[in-house]
Amino acid sequence: MAEQAVDDGEDEQEVERAHLEGLEDGCGCAEVWEHLSDEEDVEDAGEGQSTE
């Protein structure tokens, strides 16, 4: 039963870090902010498109 709690925690960490995929190990704050900003720009660009 304790193993399941550990597994659930690992899954949550993966989800929490999924938005950081594509960043190199050891990158700094500026690189993280740039990466997140680029992802947000892509999401914002897709919101205005019509699917009709």
PDB file of N, CA and C in Angstrom:
ATOM      1  N   MET A   1       0.824  -1.181   0.000  1.00  0.00           N
ATOM      2  CA  MET A   1       0.000   0.000   0.000  1.00  0.00           C
ATOM      3  C   MET A   1       0.876   1.255   0.000  1.00  0.00           C
ATOM      4  N   ALA A   2       1.977   1.226   0.706  1.00  0.00           N
ATOM      5  CA  ALA A   2       2.886   2.365   0.725  1.00  0.00           C
ATOM      6  C   ALA A   2       3.498   2.585  -0.654  1.00  0.00           C
ATOM      7  N   GLU A   3       3.692   1.506  -1.412  1.00  0.00           N
ATOM      8  CA  GLU A   3       4.258   1.644  -2.750  1.00  0.00           C
ATOM      9  C   GLU A   3       3.341   2.444  -3.656  1.00  0.00           C
ATOM     10  N   GLN A   4       2.030   2.250  -3.514  1.00  0.00           N
ATOM     11  CA  GLN A   4       1.081   2.967  -4.344  1.00  0.00           C
ATOM     12  C   GLN A   4       1.185   4.473  -4.076  1.00  0.00           C
ATOM     13  N   ALA A   5       1.344   4.861  -2.836  1.00  0.00           N
ATOM     14  CA  ALA A   5       1.467   6.272  -2.495  1.00  0.00           C
ATOM     15  C   ALA A   5       2.711   6.864  -3.145  1.00  0.00           C
ATOM     16  N   VAL A   6       3.788   6.094  -3.184  1.00  0.00           N
ATOM     17  CA  VAL A   6       5.018   6.564  -3.813  1.00  0.00           C
ATOM     18  C   VAL A   6       4.795   6.708  -5.312  1.00  0.00           C
ATOM     19  N   ASP A   7       4.155   5.727  -5.942  1.00  0.00           N
ATOM     20  CA  ASP A   7       3.889   5.782  -7.372  1.00  0.00           C
ATOM     21  C   ASP A   7       3.017   6.975  -7.725  1.00  0.00           C
ATOM     22  N   ASP A   8       1.987   7.251  -6.922  1.00  0.00           N
ATOM     23  CA  ASP A   8       1.112   8.386  -7.176  1.00  0.00           C
ATOM     24  C   ASP A   8       1.902   9.689  -7.111  1.00  0.00           C
ATOM     25  N   GLY A   9       2.799   9.792  -6.179  1.00  0.00           N
ATOM     26  CA  GLY A   9       3.630  10.986  -6.043  1.00  0.00           C
ATOM     27  C   GLY A   9       4.524  11.182  -7.248  1.00  0.00           C
ATOM     28  N   GLU A  10       5.056  10.095  -7.784  1.00  0.00           N
ATOM     29  CA  GLU A  10       5.916  10.179  -8.957  1.00  0.00           C
ATOM     30  C   GLU A  10       5.104  10.643 -10.161  1.00  0.00           C
ATOM     31  N   ASP A  11       3.882  10.145 -10.323  1.00  0.00           N
ATOM     32  CA  ASP A  11       3.025  10.567 -11.431  1.00  0.00           C
ATOM     33  C   ASP A  11       2.712  12.060 -11.328  1.00  0.00           C
ATOM     34  N   GLU A  12       2.450  12.541 -10.128  1.00  0.00           N
ATOM     35  CA  GLU A  12       2.155  13.958  -9.931  1.00  0.00           C
ATOM     36  C   GLU A  12       3.360  14.806 -10.293  1.00  0.00           C
ATOM     37  N   GLN A  13       4.565  14.354  -9.935  1.00  0.00           N
ATOM     38  CA  GLN A  13       5.775  15.103 -10.275  1.00  0.00           C
ATOM     39  C   GLN A  13       5.957  15.168 -11.784  1.00  0.00           C
ATOM     40  N   GLU A  14       5.655  14.085 -12.483  1.00  0.00           N
ATOM     41  CA  GLU A  14       5.774  14.085 -13.931  1.00  0.00           C
ATOM     42  C   GLU A  14       4.823  15.101 -14.541  1.00  0.00           C
ATOM     43  N   VAL A  15       3.604  15.164 -14.044  1.00  0.00           N
ATOM     44  CA  VAL A  15       2.619  16.115 -14.547  1.00  0.00           C
ATOM     45  C   VAL A  15       3.072  17.538 -14.246  1.00  0.00           C
ATOM     46  N   GLU A  16       3.556  17.763 -13.042  1.00  0.00           N
ATOM     47  CA  GLU A  16       4.002  19.096 -12.649  1.00  0.00           C
ATOM     48  C   GLU A  16       5.184  19.562 -13.480  1.00  0.00           C
ATOM     49  N   ARG A  17       5.971  18.648 -14.015  1.00  0.00           N
ATOM     50  CA  ARG A  17       7.161  19.000 -14.778  1.00  0.00           C
ATOM     51  C   ARG A  17       6.976  18.869 -16.283  1.00  0.00           C
ATOM     52  N   ALA A  18       5.812  18.427 -16.717  1.00  0.00           N
ATOM     53  CA  ALA A  18       5.572  18.203 -18.141  1.00  0.00           C
ATOM     54  C   ALA A  18       5.774  19.480 -18.952  1.00  0.00           C
ATOM     55  N   HIS A  19       5.422  20.629 -18.395  1.00  0.00           N
ATOM     56  CA  HIS A  19       5.565  21.896 -19.112  1.00  0.00           C
ATOM     57  C   HIS A  19       7.022  22.313 -19.282  1.00  0.00           C
ATOM     58  N   LEU A  20       7.941  21.605 -18.636  1.00  0.00           N
ATOM     59  CA  LEU A  20       9.360  21.932 -18.739  1.00  0.00           C
ATOM     60  C   LEU A  20      10.105  21.033 -19.721  1.00  0.00           C
ATOM     61  N   GLU A  21       9.369  20.126 -20.387  1.00  0.00           N
ATOM     62  CA  GLU A  21      10.013  19.265 -21.368  1.00  0.00           C
ATOM     63  C   GLU A  21      10.609  20.131 -22.463  1.00  0.00           C
ATOM     64  N   GLY A  22      11.746  19.758 -22.943  1.00  0.00           N
ATOM     65  CA  GLY A  22      12.406  20.515 -23.993  1.00  0.00           C
ATOM     66  C   GLY A  22      13.466  21.463 -23.456  1.00  0.00           C
ATOM     67  N   LEU A  23      13.535  21.624 -22.149  1.00  0.00           N
ATOM     68  CA  LEU A  23      14.576  22.447 -21.553  1.00  0.00           C
ATOM     69  C   LEU A  23      15.791  21.578 -21.244  1.00  0.00           C
ATOM     70  N   GLU A  24      16.955  22.138 -21.454  1.00  0.00           N
ATOM     71  CA  GLU A  24      18.175  21.401 -21.155  1.00  0.00           C
ATOM     72  C   GLU A  24      18.454  21.441 -19.660  1.00  0.00           C
ATOM     73  N   ASP A  25      19.068  20.371 -19.155  1.00  0.00           N
ATOM     74  CA  ASP A  25      19.473  20.351 -17.756  1.00  0.00           C
ATOM     75  C   ASP A  25      20.453  21.495 -17.514  1.00  0.00           C
ATOM     76  N   GLY A  26      20.274  22.178 -16.415  1.00  0.00           N
ATOM     77  CA  GLY A  26      21.188  23.237 -16.036  1.00  0.00           C
ATOM     78  C   GLY A  26      20.844  24.593 -16.623  1.00  0.00           C
ATOM     79  N   CYS A  27      19.730  24.704 -17.321  1.00  0.00           N
ATOM     80  CA  CYS A  27      19.371  26.012 -17.871  1.00  0.00           C
ATOM     81  C   CYS A  27      19.000  26.951 -16.731  1.00  0.00           C
ATOM     82  N   GLY A  28      19.073  28.235 -16.999  1.00  0.00           N
ATOM     83  CA  GLY A  28      18.798  29.232 -15.973  1.00  0.00           C
ATOM     84  C   GLY A  28      17.391  29.773 -16.049  1.00  0.00           C
ATOM     85  N   CYS A  29      17.106  30.720 -15.178  1.00  0.00           N
ATOM     86  CA  CYS A  29      15.770  31.313 -15.080  1.00  0.00           C
ATOM     87  C   CYS A  29      15.320  31.917 -16.405  1.00  0.00           C
ATOM     88  N   ALA A  30      16.226  32.613 -17.083  1.00  0.00           N
ATOM     89  CA  ALA A  30      15.855  33.289 -18.330  1.00  0.00           C
ATOM     90  C   ALA A  30      15.387  32.277 -19.368  1.00  0.00           C
ATOM     91  N   GLU A  31      16.067  31.149 -19.458  1.00  0.00           N
ATOM     92  CA  GLU A  31      15.680  30.118 -20.416  1.00  0.00           C
ATOM     93  C   GLU A  31      14.325  29.519 -20.064  1.00  0.00           C
ATOM     94  N   VAL A  32      14.057  29.324 -18.796  1.00  0.00           N
ATOM     95  CA  VAL A  32      12.763  28.780 -18.368  1.00  0.00           C
ATOM     96  C   VAL A  32      11.656  29.754 -18.725  1.00  0.00           C
ATOM     97  N   TRP A  33      11.839  31.033 -18.400  1.00  0.00           N
ATOM     98  CA  TRP A  33      10.813  32.037 -18.707  1.00  0.00           C
ATOM     99  C   TRP A  33      10.579  32.138 -20.213  1.00  0.00           C
ATOM    100  N   GLU A  34      11.657  32.098 -20.990  1.00  0.00           N
ATOM    101  CA  GLU A  34      11.520  32.179 -22.441  1.00  0.00           C
ATOM    102  C   GLU A  34      10.739  30.982 -22.974  1.00  0.00           C
ATOM    103  N   HIS A  35      11.048  29.802 -22.478  1.00  0.00           N
ATOM    104  CA  HIS A  35      10.366  28.575 -22.905  1.00  0.00           C
ATOM    105  C   HIS A  35       8.869  28.653 -22.578  1.00  0.00           C
ATOM    106  N   LEU A  36       8.542  29.056 -21.361  1.00  0.00           N
ATOM    107  CA  LEU A  36       7.148  29.149 -20.945  1.00  0.00           C
ATOM    108  C   LEU A  36       6.410  30.226 -21.729  1.00  0.00           C
ATOM    109  N   SER A  37       7.080  31.331 -21.994  1.00  0.00           N
ATOM    110  CA  SER A  37       6.474  32.410 -22.764  1.00  0.00           C
ATOM    111  C   SER A  37       6.191  31.968 -24.193  1.00  0.00           C
ATOM    112  N   ASP A  38       7.122  31.237 -24.790  1.00  0.00           N
ATOM    113  CA  ASP A  38       6.925  30.734 -26.150  1.00  0.00           C
ATOM    114  C   ASP A  38       5.732  29.783 -26.205  1.00  0.00           C
ATOM    115  N   GLU A  39       5.598  28.914 -25.213  1.00  0.00           N
ATOM    116  CA  GLU A  39       4.465  27.984 -25.170  1.00  0.00           C
ATOM    117  C   GLU A  39       3.154  28.751 -25.040  1.00  0.00           C
ATOM    118  N   GLU A  40       3.142  29.789 -24.219  1.00  0.00           N
ATOM    119  CA  GLU A  40       1.940  30.587 -24.016  1.00  0.00           C
ATOM    120  C   GLU A  40       1.564  31.314 -25.311  1.00  0.00           C
ATOM    121  N   ASP A  41       2.556  31.824 -26.041  1.00  0.00           N
ATOM    122  CA  ASP A  41       2.295  32.505 -27.310  1.00  0.00           C
ATOM    123  C   ASP A  41       1.646  31.555 -28.313  1.00  0.00           C
ATOM    124  N   VAL A  42       2.097  30.313 -28.354  1.00  0.00           N
ATOM    125  CA  VAL A  42       1.536  29.324 -29.267  1.00  0.00           C
ATOM    126  C   VAL A  42       0.091  29.027 -28.893  1.00  0.00           C
ATOM    127  N   GLU A  43      -0.181  28.883 -27.600  1.00  0.00           N
ATOM    128  CA  GLU A  43      -1.544  28.622 -27.140  1.00  0.00           C
ATOM    129  C   GLU A  43      -2.457  29.800 -27.448  1.00  0.00           C
ATOM    130  N   ASP A  44      -1.968  31.022 -27.243  1.00  0.00           N
ATOM    131  CA  ASP A  44      -2.770  32.211 -27.513  1.00  0.00           C
ATOM    132  C   ASP A  44      -3.079  32.330 -29.005  1.00  0.00           C
ATOM    133  N   ALA A  45      -2.145  31.992 -29.856  1.00  0.00           N
ATOM    134  CA  ALA A  45      -2.347  32.075 -31.301  1.00  0.00           C
ATOM    135  C   ALA A  45      -3.429  31.094 -31.759  1.00  0.00           C
ATOM    136  N   GLY A  46      -3.538  29.959 -31.115  1.00  0.00           N
ATOM    137  CA  GLY A  46      -4.531  28.943 -31.489  1.00  0.00           C
ATOM    138  C   GLY A  46      -5.925  29.266 -31.017  1.00  0.00           C
ATOM    139  N   GLU A  47      -6.075  30.133 -30.041  1.00  0.00           N
ATOM    140  CA  GLU A  47      -7.402  30.439 -29.487  1.00  0.00           C
ATOM    141  C   GLU A  47      -8.260  31.229 -30.459  1.00  0.00           C
ATOM    142  N   GLY A  48      -7.662  32.053 -31.296  1.00  0.00           N
ATOM    143  CA  GLY A  48      -8.441  32.890 -32.188  1.00  0.00           C
ATOM    144  C   GLY A  48      -8.853  32.210 -33.474  1.00  0.00           C
ATOM    145  N   GLN A  49      -8.405  30.997 -33.684  1.00  0.00           N
ATOM    146  CA  GLN A  49      -8.717  30.298 -34.929  1.00  0.00           C
ATOM    147  C   GLN A  49     -10.069  29.615 -34.827  1.00  0.00           C
ATOM    148  N   SER A  50     -10.802  29.681 -35.920  1.00  0.00           N
ATOM    149  CA  SER A  50     -12.115  29.057 -35.973  1.00  0.00           C
ATOM    150  C   SER A  50     -11.970  27.637 -36.513  1.00  0.00           C
ATOM    151  N   THR A  51     -12.812  26.728 -36.027  1.00  0.00           N
ATOM    152  CA  THR A  51     -12.773  25.332 -36.487  1.00  0.00           C
ATOM    153  C   THR A  51     -13.901  25.049 -37.466  1.00  0.00           C
ATOM    154  N   GLU A  52     -14.555  26.092 -37.972  1.00  0.00           N
ATOM    155  CA  GLU A  52     -15.690  25.905 -38.889  1.00  0.00           C
ATOM    156  C   GLU A  52     -15.240  25.526 -40.256  1.00  0.00           C
TER     157      GLU A  52
END
